Amino acid sequence: MSTKERIQEESSVAELEQKENQIVLFNDEVNTFDHVINTLIHVCDHTPEQAEQCSIIVHYKGKCTVKTGSYDDLKPRCSLLLDAGLSAELV
């Protein structure tokens, strides 16, 4: 195995070891579809189509992962969702 291959393999393993965090949005009986969609567009940088699909999944399935990434990126986003009155959790 060449040095280049070994370095690439080590970096790939390191990337896999980093835990992907996610924001899970939960269904509630309070917020309208429009409010959820607009909040996801603003907070999670969703396209209108993505936000609408997530809101429908949350409505019918009870929850949906709306954003994945590093903890440092997701923490303020989750706080904004909570401040907007949505039920969300960072896992």
N, C-alpha and C. Protein backbone atom coordinates (compact mmCIF):
# COMPACT_ATOMS: atom_id res chain seq x y z
N MET A 1 0.86 -1.19 0.00
CA MET A 1 0.00 0.00 0.00
C MET A 1 0.89 1.23 0.00
N SER A 2 0.63 2.13 -0.90
CA SER A 2 1.44 3.34 -1.00
C SER A 2 1.07 4.31 0.12
N THR A 3 1.95 5.26 0.34
CA THR A 3 1.71 6.27 1.37
C THR A 3 0.45 7.07 1.07
N LYS A 4 0.25 7.40 -0.20
CA LYS A 4 -0.93 8.18 -0.59
C LYS A 4 -2.22 7.41 -0.27
N GLU A 5 -2.24 6.11 -0.58
CA GLU A 5 -3.42 5.30 -0.28
C GLU A 5 -3.66 5.21 1.22
N ARG A 6 -2.59 5.06 2.00
CA ARG A 6 -2.71 4.95 3.45
C ARG A 6 -3.28 6.24 4.05
N ILE A 7 -2.83 7.39 3.57
CA ILE A 7 -3.31 8.68 4.06
C ILE A 7 -4.78 8.85 3.71
N GLN A 8 -5.17 8.48 2.49
CA GLN A 8 -6.57 8.59 2.08
C GLN A 8 -7.45 7.68 2.93
N GLU A 9 -6.97 6.47 3.21
CA GLU A 9 -7.74 5.53 4.02
C GLU A 9 -7.90 6.06 5.45
N GLU A 10 -6.83 6.61 6.02
CA GLU A 10 -6.90 7.16 7.37
C GLU A 10 -7.87 8.34 7.45
N SER A 11 -7.88 9.20 6.43
CA SER A 11 -8.79 10.34 6.45
C SER A 11 -10.23 9.88 6.27
N SER A 12 -10.44 8.85 5.47
CA SER A 12 -11.80 8.32 5.30
C SER A 12 -12.33 7.74 6.60
N VAL A 13 -11.50 7.03 7.34
CA VAL A 13 -11.91 6.47 8.62
C VAL A 13 -12.21 7.59 9.61
N ALA A 14 -11.40 8.63 9.62
CA ALA A 14 -11.63 9.75 10.52
C ALA A 14 -12.95 10.44 10.22
N GLU A 15 -13.29 10.58 8.94
CA GLU A 15 -14.55 11.20 8.57
C GLU A 15 -15.73 10.36 9.02
N LEU A 16 -15.60 9.04 8.93
CA LEU A 16 -16.68 8.16 9.36
C LEU A 16 -16.87 8.19 10.87
N GLU A 17 -15.79 8.42 11.61
CA GLU A 17 -15.87 8.42 13.06
C GLU A 17 -16.55 9.67 13.60
N GLN A 18 -16.59 10.75 12.82
CA GLN A 18 -17.28 11.95 13.26
C GLN A 18 -18.77 11.67 13.26
N LYS A 19 -19.40 11.90 14.40
CA LYS A 19 -20.81 11.61 14.53
C LYS A 19 -21.64 12.70 13.85
N GLU A 20 -22.56 12.27 13.02
CA GLU A 20 -23.49 13.21 12.39
C GLU A 20 -24.65 13.45 13.34
N ASN A 21 -24.85 14.68 13.71
CA ASN A 21 -25.99 15.05 14.53
C ASN A 21 -27.15 15.39 13.63
N GLN A 22 -28.35 15.40 14.19
CA GLN A 22 -29.52 15.73 13.39
C GLN A 22 -30.56 16.44 14.24
N ILE A 23 -31.31 17.30 13.56
CA ILE A 23 -32.46 17.96 14.18
C ILE A 23 -33.70 17.18 13.75
N VAL A 24 -34.45 16.73 14.75
CA VAL A 24 -35.69 16.02 14.50
C VAL A 24 -36.85 16.95 14.86
N LEU A 25 -37.76 17.14 13.92
CA LEU A 25 -38.94 17.97 14.12
C LEU A 25 -40.12 17.05 14.43
N PHE A 26 -40.90 17.42 15.46
CA PHE A 26 -42.04 16.61 15.89
C PHE A 26 -43.35 17.30 15.56
N ASN A 27 -44.37 16.48 15.35
CA ASN A 27 -45.69 16.98 15.06
C ASN A 27 -46.32 17.61 16.30
N ASP A 28 -47.12 18.63 16.08
CA ASP A 28 -47.93 19.22 17.16
C ASP A 28 -49.26 19.65 16.56
N GLU A 29 -50.16 20.00 17.41
CA GLU A 29 -51.50 20.42 16.96
C GLU A 29 -51.65 21.94 16.96
N VAL A 30 -50.54 22.65 17.08
CA VAL A 30 -50.59 24.10 17.26
C VAL A 30 -50.21 24.86 15.99
N ASN A 31 -49.11 24.47 15.37
CA ASN A 31 -48.55 25.24 14.26
C ASN A 31 -49.19 24.87 12.93
N THR A 32 -49.35 25.88 12.08
CA THR A 32 -49.91 25.67 10.75
C THR A 32 -48.82 25.17 9.80
N PHE A 33 -49.24 24.58 8.69
CA PHE A 33 -48.29 24.15 7.68
C PHE A 33 -47.45 25.32 7.18
N ASP A 34 -48.11 26.46 6.95
CA ASP A 34 -47.38 27.64 6.45
C ASP A 34 -46.29 28.09 7.42
N HIS A 35 -46.61 28.08 8.71
CA HIS A 35 -45.62 28.50 9.70
C HIS A 35 -44.43 27.54 9.72
N VAL A 36 -44.71 26.24 9.70
CA VAL A 36 -43.64 25.24 9.71
C VAL A 36 -42.78 25.37 8.45
N ILE A 37 -43.42 25.49 7.31
CA ILE A 37 -42.70 25.61 6.04
C ILE A 37 -41.82 26.85 6.02
N ASN A 38 -42.38 27.99 6.38
CA ASN A 38 -41.60 29.24 6.39
C ASN A 38 -40.44 29.18 7.37
N THR A 39 -40.66 28.55 8.52
CA THR A 39 -39.59 28.44 9.52
C THR A 39 -38.48 27.54 9.02
N LEU A 40 -38.81 26.42 8.40
CA LEU A 40 -37.79 25.52 7.86
C LEU A 40 -36.99 26.18 6.75
N ILE A 41 -37.65 26.97 5.92
CA ILE A 41 -36.94 27.70 4.86
C ILE A 41 -35.95 28.68 5.48
N HIS A 42 -36.40 29.41 6.48
CA HIS A 42 -35.56 30.44 7.10
C HIS A 42 -34.43 29.83 7.95
N VAL A 43 -34.77 28.87 8.80
CA VAL A 43 -33.81 28.36 9.79
C VAL A 43 -32.90 27.28 9.21
N CYS A 44 -33.46 26.36 8.43
CA CYS A 44 -32.69 25.20 7.96
C CYS A 44 -32.22 25.34 6.52
N ASP A 45 -32.47 26.48 5.90
CA ASP A 45 -32.06 26.72 4.51
C ASP A 45 -32.69 25.71 3.54
N HIS A 46 -33.91 25.30 3.83
CA HIS A 46 -34.63 24.39 2.92
C HIS A 46 -35.16 25.16 1.72
N THR A 47 -35.32 24.45 0.62
CA THR A 47 -36.07 25.00 -0.50
C THR A 47 -37.55 24.90 -0.11
N PRO A 48 -38.42 25.64 -0.77
CA PRO A 48 -39.85 25.51 -0.46
C PRO A 48 -40.35 24.07 -0.59
N GLU A 49 -39.85 23.35 -1.59
CA GLU A 49 -40.27 21.96 -1.79
C GLU A 49 -39.82 21.07 -0.63
N GLN A 50 -38.56 21.23 -0.20
CA GLN A 50 -38.05 20.45 0.92
C GLN A 50 -38.86 20.71 2.18
N ALA A 51 -39.12 21.98 2.45
CA ALA A 51 -39.85 22.36 3.65
C ALA A 51 -41.26 21.79 3.63
N GLU A 52 -41.90 21.83 2.47
CA GLU A 52 -43.25 21.29 2.36
C GLU A 52 -43.25 19.78 2.57
N GLN A 53 -42.28 19.08 1.97
CA GLN A 53 -42.19 17.63 2.14
C GLN A 53 -41.95 17.26 3.60
N CYS A 54 -41.06 17.98 4.27
CA CYS A 54 -40.80 17.71 5.69
C CYS A 54 -42.05 17.94 6.53
N SER A 55 -42.77 19.01 6.25
CA SER A 55 -43.98 19.29 7.03
C SER A 55 -45.04 18.20 6.84
N ILE A 56 -45.14 17.67 5.63
CA ILE A 56 -46.10 16.58 5.37
C ILE A 56 -45.66 15.30 6.09
N ILE A 57 -44.37 15.00 6.05
CA ILE A 57 -43.86 13.81 6.75
C ILE A 57 -44.11 13.94 8.24
N VAL A 58 -43.82 15.11 8.81
CA VAL A 58 -44.06 15.33 10.24
C VAL A 58 -45.54 15.14 10.57
N HIS A 59 -46.40 15.66 9.72
CA HIS A 59 -47.84 15.57 9.97
C HIS A 59 -48.32 14.12 9.99
N TYR A 60 -47.85 13.31 9.04
CA TYR A 60 -48.35 11.94 8.92
C TYR A 60 -47.55 10.91 9.72
N LYS A 61 -46.25 11.14 9.88
CA LYS A 61 -45.40 10.16 10.57
C LYS A 61 -45.11 10.55 12.03
N GLY A 62 -45.35 11.82 12.38
CA GLY A 62 -45.12 12.26 13.75
C GLY A 62 -43.78 12.93 13.97
N LYS A 63 -42.81 12.64 13.10
CA LYS A 63 -41.50 13.28 13.22
C LYS A 63 -40.75 13.13 11.92
N CYS A 64 -39.71 13.97 11.78
CA CYS A 64 -38.90 13.95 10.57
C CYS A 64 -37.55 14.61 10.86
N THR A 65 -36.48 14.02 10.37
CA THR A 65 -35.17 14.67 10.45
C THR A 65 -35.14 15.78 9.42
N VAL A 66 -34.93 17.02 9.89
CA VAL A 66 -34.98 18.16 8.98
C VAL A 66 -33.61 18.73 8.64
N LYS A 67 -32.58 18.35 9.41
CA LYS A 67 -31.24 18.87 9.12
C LYS A 67 -30.21 17.97 9.79
N THR A 68 -29.13 17.67 9.09
CA THR A 68 -28.01 16.93 9.67
C THR A 68 -26.74 17.75 9.53
N GLY A 69 -25.80 17.48 10.41
CA GLY A 69 -24.54 18.21 10.34
C GLY A 69 -23.83 18.19 11.67
N SER A 70 -22.91 19.12 11.83
CA SER A 70 -22.13 19.19 13.06
C SER A 70 -22.96 19.80 14.18
N TYR A 71 -22.61 19.45 15.39
CA TYR A 71 -23.33 19.96 16.56
C TYR A 71 -23.29 21.49 16.59
N ASP A 72 -22.12 22.06 16.30
CA ASP A 72 -21.97 23.52 16.36
C ASP A 72 -22.85 24.24 15.35
N ASP A 73 -23.11 23.62 14.22
CA ASP A 73 -24.00 24.22 13.22
C ASP A 73 -25.46 24.04 13.60
N LEU A 74 -25.81 22.89 14.16
CA LEU A 74 -27.21 22.57 14.43
C LEU A 74 -27.75 23.18 15.71
N LYS A 75 -26.92 23.40 16.70
CA LYS A 75 -27.39 23.91 17.99
C LYS A 75 -28.15 25.23 17.84
N PRO A 76 -27.60 26.25 17.18
CA PRO A 76 -28.36 27.50 17.04
C PRO A 76 -29.61 27.34 16.16
N ARG A 77 -29.56 26.47 15.18
CA ARG A 77 -30.72 26.24 14.33
C ARG A 77 -31.86 25.61 15.14
N CYS A 78 -31.52 24.65 15.98
CA CYS A 78 -32.54 24.00 16.80
C CYS A 78 -33.14 25.02 17.77
N SER A 79 -32.32 25.88 18.32
CA SER A 79 -32.82 26.92 19.23
C SER A 79 -33.79 27.85 18.50
N LEU A 80 -33.49 28.19 17.26
CA LEU A 80 -34.39 29.05 16.49
C LEU A 80 -35.72 28.35 16.20
N LEU A 81 -35.67 27.05 15.93
CA LEU A 81 -36.92 26.31 15.72
C LEU A 81 -37.76 26.31 17.00
N LEU A 82 -37.10 26.10 18.13
CA LEU A 82 -37.83 26.12 19.40
C LEU A 82 -38.39 27.50 19.70
N ASP A 83 -37.60 28.54 19.41
CA ASP A 83 -38.07 29.92 19.63
C ASP A 83 -39.28 30.25 18.74
N ALA A 84 -39.37 29.58 17.60
CA ALA A 84 -40.49 29.80 16.68
C ALA A 84 -41.73 29.01 17.10
N GLY A 85 -41.61 28.26 18.18
CA GLY A 85 -42.75 27.50 18.69
C GLY A 85 -42.87 26.09 18.15
N LEU A 86 -41.87 25.62 17.42
CA LEU A 86 -41.89 24.26 16.91
C LEU A 86 -41.32 23.29 17.93
N SER A 87 -41.69 22.04 17.82
CA SER A 87 -41.17 20.99 18.70
C SER A 87 -40.03 20.30 17.97
N ALA A 88 -38.80 20.52 18.46
CA ALA A 88 -37.63 19.95 17.80
C ALA A 88 -36.64 19.47 18.85
N GLU A 89 -35.79 18.57 18.41
CA GLU A 89 -34.78 17.99 19.30
C GLU A 89 -33.50 17.78 18.52
N LEU A 90 -32.38 18.04 19.16
CA LEU A 90 -31.07 17.81 18.56
C LEU A 90 -30.54 16.48 19.08
N VAL A 91 -30.33 15.54 18.16
CA VAL A 91 -29.83 14.22 18.57
C VAL A 91 -28.55 13.87 17.85
